[in-house]
Amino acid sequence: MPRLTALVVALALTACGDTDEPDPPVAGGCVRAEGGEVTLVADDLMWDTDCLEAEPGALTIAIDNQDDGQNHNVHLPDAPESPATDLELGPSRQELDVTLDPGAYEFICDIHPNMVGTLTVAEPTPP
């Protein structure tokens, strides 16, 4: 039985690493905004990450809803004026434009409370 378990684990790990798409820029396990934009992917009633990072100022959060027939949105309840996109059936793509000061902001899909994460806005650290 231990050999079968090891084989299943090895196959699962091999299957997870083979994609043609490059991984998003990651710092400490978070998806980092590039050029003032970051993309959240909704798939199988989950975000592709629960951790985003961005610099202070203008930011566009793109929502790529890949859940066919499912409503999703993104809402920043802790940000000034509590900005949110409208609920929209997937597959669809939306954008939320915000201007944020340094801090930590929760992001959530309003009808799927398990789809939650933290957007950390901070000045970049020098190399």
C-alpha atoms as a PDB file:
ATOM      1  CA  MET A   1       0.000   0.000   0.000  1.00  0.00           C
ATOM      2  CA  PRO A   2       2.820   2.535   0.708  1.00  0.00           C
ATOM      3  CA  ARG A   3       4.141   2.081  -2.855  1.00  0.00           C
ATOM      4  CA  LEU A   4       0.696   2.814  -4.316  1.00  0.00           C
ATOM      5  CA  THR A   5       0.399   5.954  -2.189  1.00  0.00           C
ATOM      6  CA  ALA A   6       3.850   7.122  -3.285  1.00  0.00           C
ATOM      7  CA  LEU A   7       2.960   6.514  -6.943  1.00  0.00           C
ATOM      8  CA  VAL A   8      -0.296   8.500  -6.650  1.00  0.00           C
ATOM      9  CA  VAL A   9       1.511  11.410  -4.969  1.00  0.00           C
ATOM     10  CA  ALA A  10       4.274  11.391  -7.611  1.00  0.00           C
ATOM     11  CA  LEU A  11       1.735  11.406 -10.454  1.00  0.00           C
ATOM     12  CA  ALA A  12      -0.249  14.228  -8.857  1.00  0.00           C
ATOM     13  CA  LEU A  13       2.856  16.370  -8.410  1.00  0.00           C
ATOM     14  CA  THR A  14       3.958  15.752 -11.989  1.00  0.00           C
ATOM     15  CA  ALA A  15       0.543  16.697 -13.377  1.00  0.00           C
ATOM     16  CA  CYS A  16       0.461  19.963 -11.415  1.00  0.00           C
ATOM     17  CA  GLY A  17       3.628  21.360 -12.955  1.00  0.00           C
ATOM     18  CA  ASP A  18       2.926  21.007 -16.682  1.00  0.00           C
ATOM     19  CA  THR A  19       1.269  24.109 -18.168  1.00  0.00           C
ATOM     20  CA  ASP A  20       2.049  26.240 -21.171  1.00  0.00           C
ATOM     21  CA  GLU A  21       1.217  29.474 -19.355  1.00  0.00           C
ATOM     22  CA  PRO A  22       3.839  31.298 -17.293  1.00  0.00           C
ATOM     23  CA  ASP A  23       3.213  31.639 -13.582  1.00  0.00           C
ATOM     24  CA  PRO A  24       2.091  35.094 -12.384  1.00  0.00           C
ATOM     25  CA  PRO A  25       4.685  37.284 -10.683  1.00  0.00           C
ATOM     26  CA  VAL A  26       4.804  36.146  -7.078  1.00  0.00           C
ATOM     27  CA  ALA A  27       6.387  37.675  -4.010  1.00  0.00           C
ATOM     28  CA  GLY A  28       6.051  35.685  -0.827  1.00  0.00           C
ATOM     29  CA  GLY A  29       3.288  33.579  -2.351  1.00  0.00           C
ATOM     30  CA  CYS A  30       1.200  36.589  -3.403  1.00  0.00           C
ATOM     31  CA  VAL A  31       0.219  37.669  -6.900  1.00  0.00           C
ATOM     32  CA  ARG A  32       1.801  41.075  -7.458  1.00  0.00           C
ATOM     33  CA  ALA A  33       0.284  43.850  -9.561  1.00  0.00           C
ATOM     34  CA  GLU A  34       2.350  44.728 -12.617  1.00  0.00           C
ATOM     35  CA  GLY A  35       1.920  48.118 -14.286  1.00  0.00           C
ATOM     36  CA  GLY A  36      -0.943  49.020 -11.961  1.00  0.00           C
ATOM     37  CA  GLU A  37      -3.013  45.936 -12.841  1.00  0.00           C
ATOM     38  CA  VAL A  38      -3.626  42.554 -11.288  1.00  0.00           C
ATOM     39  CA  THR A  39      -5.923  39.728 -12.396  1.00  0.00           C
ATOM     40  CA  LEU A  40      -8.046  37.514 -10.165  1.00  0.00           C
ATOM     41  CA  VAL A  41      -9.328  34.317 -11.753  1.00  0.00           C
ATOM     42  CA  ALA A  42     -12.576  32.769 -10.500  1.00  0.00           C
ATOM     43  CA  ASP A  43     -12.727  29.067 -11.293  1.00  0.00           C
ATOM     44  CA  ASP A  44     -14.604  26.244  -9.580  1.00  0.00           C
ATOM     45  CA  LEU A  45     -16.044  28.729  -7.037  1.00  0.00           C
ATOM     46  CA  MET A  46     -12.565  29.772  -5.876  1.00  0.00           C
ATOM     47  CA  TRP A  47     -10.128  32.608  -6.538  1.00  0.00           C
ATOM     48  CA  ASP A  48      -6.793  31.526  -7.992  1.00  0.00           C
ATOM     49  CA  THR A  49      -5.097  33.268  -5.040  1.00  0.00           C
ATOM     50  CA  ASP A  50      -5.999  34.631  -1.640  1.00  0.00           C
ATOM     51  CA  CYS A  51      -3.118  37.107  -1.564  1.00  0.00           C
ATOM     52  CA  LEU A  52      -2.523  40.151  -3.784  1.00  0.00           C
ATOM     53  CA  GLU A  53       0.154  42.866  -3.557  1.00  0.00           C
ATOM     54  CA  ALA A  54       0.220  46.318  -5.136  1.00  0.00           C
ATOM     55  CA  GLU A  55       1.886  49.699  -4.814  1.00  0.00           C
ATOM     56  CA  PRO A  56      -0.112  52.671  -3.496  1.00  0.00           C
ATOM     57  CA  GLY A  57      -2.113  54.663  -6.032  1.00  0.00           C
ATOM     58  CA  ALA A  58      -4.223  53.691  -9.007  1.00  0.00           C
ATOM     59  CA  LEU A  59      -4.916  49.981  -9.415  1.00  0.00           C
ATOM     60  CA  THR A  60      -7.082  47.973 -11.798  1.00  0.00           C
ATOM     61  CA  ILE A  61      -8.279  44.629 -10.511  1.00  0.00           C
ATOM     62  CA  ALA A  62      -9.391  42.494 -13.456  1.00  0.00           C
ATOM     63  CA  ILE A  63     -11.799  39.678 -12.663  1.00  0.00           C
ATOM     64  CA  ASP A  64     -11.617  36.730 -15.058  1.00  0.00           C
ATOM     65  CA  ASN A  65     -14.755  34.718 -14.213  1.00  0.00           C
ATOM     66  CA  GLN A  66     -14.234  31.288 -15.756  1.00  0.00           C
ATOM     67  CA  ASP A  67     -17.176  29.709 -13.907  1.00  0.00           C
ATOM     68  CA  ASP A  68     -19.756  29.047 -16.614  1.00  0.00           C
ATOM     69  CA  GLY A  69     -23.182  30.164 -15.376  1.00  0.00           C
ATOM     70  CA  GLN A  70     -21.934  31.374 -11.964  1.00  0.00           C
ATOM     71  CA  ASN A  71     -22.234  34.934 -10.693  1.00  0.00           C
ATOM     72  CA  HIS A  72     -19.102  36.507  -9.234  1.00  0.00           C
ATOM     73  CA  ASN A  73     -17.904  39.960  -8.323  1.00  0.00           C
ATOM     74  CA  VAL A  74     -15.048  41.453  -6.364  1.00  0.00           C
ATOM     75  CA  HIS A  75     -15.686  43.751  -3.419  1.00  0.00           C
ATOM     76  CA  LEU A  76     -13.172  45.647  -1.255  1.00  0.00           C
ATOM     77  CA  PRO A  77     -15.302  46.281   1.870  1.00  0.00           C
ATOM     78  CA  ASP A  78     -12.395  47.832   3.831  1.00  0.00           C
ATOM     79  CA  ALA A  79     -11.431  50.337   1.115  1.00  0.00           C
ATOM     80  CA  PRO A  80     -12.806  53.883   1.048  1.00  0.00           C
ATOM     81  CA  GLU A  81     -16.332  53.901  -0.404  1.00  0.00           C
ATOM     82  CA  SER A  82     -16.376  50.048  -0.377  1.00  0.00           C
ATOM     83  CA  PRO A  83     -15.843  49.646  -4.155  1.00  0.00           C
ATOM     84  CA  ALA A  84     -17.255  46.569  -5.907  1.00  0.00           C
ATOM     85  CA  THR A  85     -18.058  45.269  -9.355  1.00  0.00           C
ATOM     86  CA  ASP A  86     -21.561  44.079 -10.191  1.00  0.00           C
ATOM     87  CA  LEU A  87     -22.374  40.395  -9.970  1.00  0.00           C
ATOM     88  CA  GLU A  88     -21.917  38.944 -13.447  1.00  0.00           C
ATOM     89  CA  LEU A  89     -22.484  35.483 -14.913  1.00  0.00           C
ATOM     90  CA  GLY A  90     -19.437  33.695 -16.214  1.00  0.00           C
ATOM     91  CA  PRO A  91     -17.636  33.314 -18.339  1.00  0.00           C
ATOM     92  CA  SER A  92     -16.986  37.043 -18.224  1.00  0.00           C
ATOM     93  CA  ARG A  93     -14.348  39.661 -17.529  1.00  0.00           C
ATOM     94  CA  GLN A  94     -14.746  42.791 -15.414  1.00  0.00           C
ATOM     95  CA  GLU A  95     -12.479  45.503 -14.063  1.00  0.00           C
ATOM     96  CA  LEU A  96     -12.521  47.416 -10.802  1.00  0.00           C
ATOM     97  CA  ASP A  97     -10.536  50.669 -10.810  1.00  0.00           C
ATOM     98  CA  VAL A  98      -9.494  51.918  -7.376  1.00  0.00           C
ATOM     99  CA  THR A  99      -6.986  54.274  -5.816  1.00  0.00           C
ATOM    100  CA  LEU A 100      -5.576  52.915  -2.569  1.00  0.00           C
ATOM    101  CA  ASP A 101      -3.315  54.136   0.202  1.00  0.00           C
ATOM    102  CA  PRO A 102      -0.931  51.737   1.957  1.00  0.00           C
ATOM    103  CA  GLY A 103      -2.741  49.137   4.032  1.00  0.00           C
ATOM    104  CA  ALA A 104      -4.365  45.725   3.983  1.00  0.00           C
ATOM    105  CA  TYR A 105      -7.719  45.360   2.244  1.00  0.00           C
ATOM    106  CA  GLU A 106      -9.978  42.326   2.173  1.00  0.00           C
ATOM    107  CA  PHE A 107     -11.296  41.253  -1.231  1.00  0.00           C
ATOM    108  CA  ILE A 108     -14.356  39.023  -1.459  1.00  0.00           C
ATOM    109  CA  CYS A 109     -17.034  37.741  -3.815  1.00  0.00           C
ATOM    110  CA  ASP A 110     -20.261  38.936  -2.207  1.00  0.00           C
ATOM    111  CA  ILE A 111     -22.274  35.743  -2.788  1.00  0.00           C
ATOM    112  CA  HIS A 112     -19.432  33.261  -2.226  1.00  0.00           C
ATOM    113  CA  PRO A 113     -17.885  34.153   1.165  1.00  0.00           C
ATOM    114  CA  ASN A 114     -15.301  31.385   0.762  1.00  0.00           C
ATOM    115  CA  MET A 115     -13.815  33.457  -2.103  1.00  0.00           C
ATOM    116  CA  VAL A 116     -11.875  35.838   0.111  1.00  0.00           C
ATOM    117  CA  GLY A 117      -8.340  37.143   0.355  1.00  0.00           C
ATOM    118  CA  THR A 118      -6.137  40.082   1.280  1.00  0.00           C
ATOM    119  CA  LEU A 119      -4.758  42.830  -0.952  1.00  0.00           C
ATOM    120  CA  THR A 120      -1.672  44.387   0.643  1.00  0.00           C
ATOM    121  CA  VAL A 121      -0.773  47.844  -0.628  1.00  0.00           C
ATOM    122  CA  ALA A 122       2.747  48.979   0.231  1.00  0.00           C
ATOM    123  CA  GLU A 123       5.685  50.900  -1.163  1.00  0.00           C
ATOM    124  CA  PRO A 124       8.129  48.598  -2.943  1.00  0.00           C
ATOM    125  CA  THR A 125      11.133  47.514  -0.917  1.00  0.00           C
ATOM    126  CA  PRO A 126      14.508  48.441  -2.413  1.00  0.00           C
ATOM    127  CA  PRO A 127      16.526  45.509  -3.773  1.00  0.00           C
END
